[in-house]
Amino acid sequence: MTAAQESAFRAASGAYANSVLFAIAGSVPVLTLTWTPWISIGAFKEWRAGQIELVDLMWIALRACIVLLALGFYVR
């Protein structure tokens, strides 16, 4: 951002752009690190109850981990 854009953002929002970016970049991994076990545990409970097969359980956990890795790459 240019100096003029930075001062306009500061005047409109009351916060520095870097602070807002840090808050967003910090909350995305926390939410993703909460979502991944939630999905995996839910799939494990379904597998334990016999509602899904073991391959489905592994595929669900793998997809959640791939999303975690992709977001980690782009958010850093």
C-alpha atoms as a PDB file:
ATOM      1  CA  MET A   1       0.000   0.000   0.000  1.00  0.00           C
ATOM      2  CA  THR A   2       1.120   3.504  -0.623  1.00  0.00           C
ATOM      3  CA  ALA A   3       1.427   5.994   2.214  1.00  0.00           C
ATOM      4  CA  ALA A   4      -1.811   7.676   1.155  1.00  0.00           C
ATOM      5  CA  GLN A   5      -3.674   4.372   1.105  1.00  0.00           C
ATOM      6  CA  GLU A   6      -2.229   3.417   4.472  1.00  0.00           C
ATOM      7  CA  SER A   7      -3.328   6.687   6.069  1.00  0.00           C
ATOM      8  CA  ALA A   8      -6.801   6.405   4.504  1.00  0.00           C
ATOM      9  CA  PHE A   9      -7.151   2.849   5.811  1.00  0.00           C
ATOM     10  CA  ARG A  10      -5.991   3.957   9.261  1.00  0.00           C
ATOM     11  CA  ALA A  11      -8.474   6.845   9.286  1.00  0.00           C
ATOM     12  CA  ALA A  12     -11.398   4.697   8.142  1.00  0.00           C
ATOM     13  CA  SER A  13     -10.814   1.616  10.251  1.00  0.00           C
ATOM     14  CA  GLY A  14      -8.908   2.905  13.246  1.00  0.00           C
ATOM     15  CA  ALA A  15      -6.270   0.170  12.892  1.00  0.00           C
ATOM     16  CA  TYR A  16      -3.119  -0.340  10.897  1.00  0.00           C
ATOM     17  CA  ALA A  17      -3.386  -2.559   7.832  1.00  0.00           C
ATOM     18  CA  ASN A  18      -0.602  -4.823   9.120  1.00  0.00           C
ATOM     19  CA  SER A  19      -2.522  -5.420  12.351  1.00  0.00           C
ATOM     20  CA  VAL A  20      -5.671  -6.418  10.477  1.00  0.00           C
ATOM     21  CA  LEU A  21      -3.670  -8.667   8.157  1.00  0.00           C
ATOM     22  CA  PHE A  22      -1.993 -10.307  11.155  1.00  0.00           C
ATOM     23  CA  ALA A  23      -5.366 -10.911  12.835  1.00  0.00           C
ATOM     24  CA  ILE A  24      -6.813 -12.517   9.706  1.00  0.00           C
ATOM     25  CA  ALA A  25      -3.675 -14.549   9.049  1.00  0.00           C
ATOM     26  CA  GLY A  26      -3.738 -15.729  12.668  1.00  0.00           C
ATOM     27  CA  SER A  27      -7.399 -16.687  12.808  1.00  0.00           C
ATOM     28  CA  VAL A  28      -7.460 -18.765   9.609  1.00  0.00           C
ATOM     29  CA  PRO A  29      -4.948 -21.387  10.866  1.00  0.00           C
ATOM     30  CA  VAL A  30      -6.676 -21.563  14.249  1.00  0.00           C
ATOM     31  CA  LEU A  31     -10.038 -22.214  12.618  1.00  0.00           C
ATOM     32  CA  THR A  32      -8.522 -24.747  10.227  1.00  0.00           C
ATOM     33  CA  LEU A  33      -6.665 -26.530  13.032  1.00  0.00           C
ATOM     34  CA  THR A  34      -9.987 -26.789  14.851  1.00  0.00           C
ATOM     35  CA  TRP A  35     -11.933 -27.892  11.757  1.00  0.00           C
ATOM     36  CA  THR A  36      -9.541 -30.692  10.720  1.00  0.00           C
ATOM     37  CA  PRO A  37      -9.827 -32.762  13.938  1.00  0.00           C
ATOM     38  CA  TRP A  38     -13.559 -32.071  14.087  1.00  0.00           C
ATOM     39  CA  ILE A  39     -14.018 -33.580  10.621  1.00  0.00           C
ATOM     40  CA  SER A  40     -11.666 -36.477  11.377  1.00  0.00           C
ATOM     41  CA  ILE A  41     -13.286 -37.333  14.709  1.00  0.00           C
ATOM     42  CA  GLY A  42     -16.745 -37.146  13.133  1.00  0.00           C
ATOM     43  CA  ALA A  43     -15.649 -39.540  10.402  1.00  0.00           C
ATOM     44  CA  PHE A  44     -14.100 -41.854  12.994  1.00  0.00           C
ATOM     45  CA  LYS A  45     -17.379 -41.955  14.914  1.00  0.00           C
ATOM     46  CA  GLU A  46     -19.247 -42.836  11.706  1.00  0.00           C
ATOM     47  CA  TRP A  47     -16.709 -45.563  10.917  1.00  0.00           C
ATOM     48  CA  ARG A  48     -17.013 -46.966  14.438  1.00  0.00           C
ATOM     49  CA  ALA A  49     -20.792 -47.055  14.076  1.00  0.00           C
ATOM     50  CA  GLY A  50     -20.451 -48.902  10.768  1.00  0.00           C
ATOM     51  CA  GLN A  51     -21.912 -46.129   8.641  1.00  0.00           C
ATOM     52  CA  ILE A  52     -18.807 -45.678   6.445  1.00  0.00           C
ATOM     53  CA  GLU A  53     -15.948 -47.928   5.345  1.00  0.00           C
ATOM     54  CA  LEU A  54     -12.314 -47.604   6.426  1.00  0.00           C
ATOM     55  CA  VAL A  55     -11.335 -46.275   2.995  1.00  0.00           C
ATOM     56  CA  ASP A  56     -13.905 -43.485   3.355  1.00  0.00           C
ATOM     57  CA  LEU A  57     -12.524 -42.619   6.794  1.00  0.00           C
ATOM     58  CA  MET A  58      -8.996 -42.362   5.423  1.00  0.00           C
ATOM     59  CA  TRP A  59     -10.139 -40.337   2.419  1.00  0.00           C
ATOM     60  CA  ILE A  60     -12.027 -37.840   4.616  1.00  0.00           C
ATOM     61  CA  ALA A  61      -9.026 -37.397   6.924  1.00  0.00           C
ATOM     62  CA  LEU A  62      -6.674 -37.040   3.948  1.00  0.00           C
ATOM     63  CA  ARG A  63      -8.848 -34.377   2.313  1.00  0.00           C
ATOM     64  CA  ALA A  64      -9.009 -32.419   5.592  1.00  0.00           C
ATOM     65  CA  CYS A  65      -5.220 -32.565   5.886  1.00  0.00           C
ATOM     66  CA  ILE A  66      -4.799 -31.425   2.285  1.00  0.00           C
ATOM     67  CA  VAL A  67      -7.010 -28.409   2.974  1.00  0.00           C
ATOM     68  CA  LEU A  68      -4.929 -27.703   6.087  1.00  0.00           C
ATOM     69  CA  LEU A  69      -1.695 -27.873   4.108  1.00  0.00           C
ATOM     70  CA  ALA A  70      -3.012 -25.717   1.269  1.00  0.00           C
ATOM     71  CA  LEU A  71      -4.263 -23.003   3.607  1.00  0.00           C
ATOM     72  CA  GLY A  72      -1.013 -23.132   5.540  1.00  0.00           C
ATOM     73  CA  PHE A  73       0.895 -22.572   2.328  1.00  0.00           C
ATOM     74  CA  TYR A  74      -1.208 -19.624   1.176  1.00  0.00           C
ATOM     75  CA  VAL A  75      -1.666 -17.908   4.533  1.00  0.00           C
ATOM     76  CA  ARG A  76       1.973 -17.851   5.545  1.00  0.00           C
END
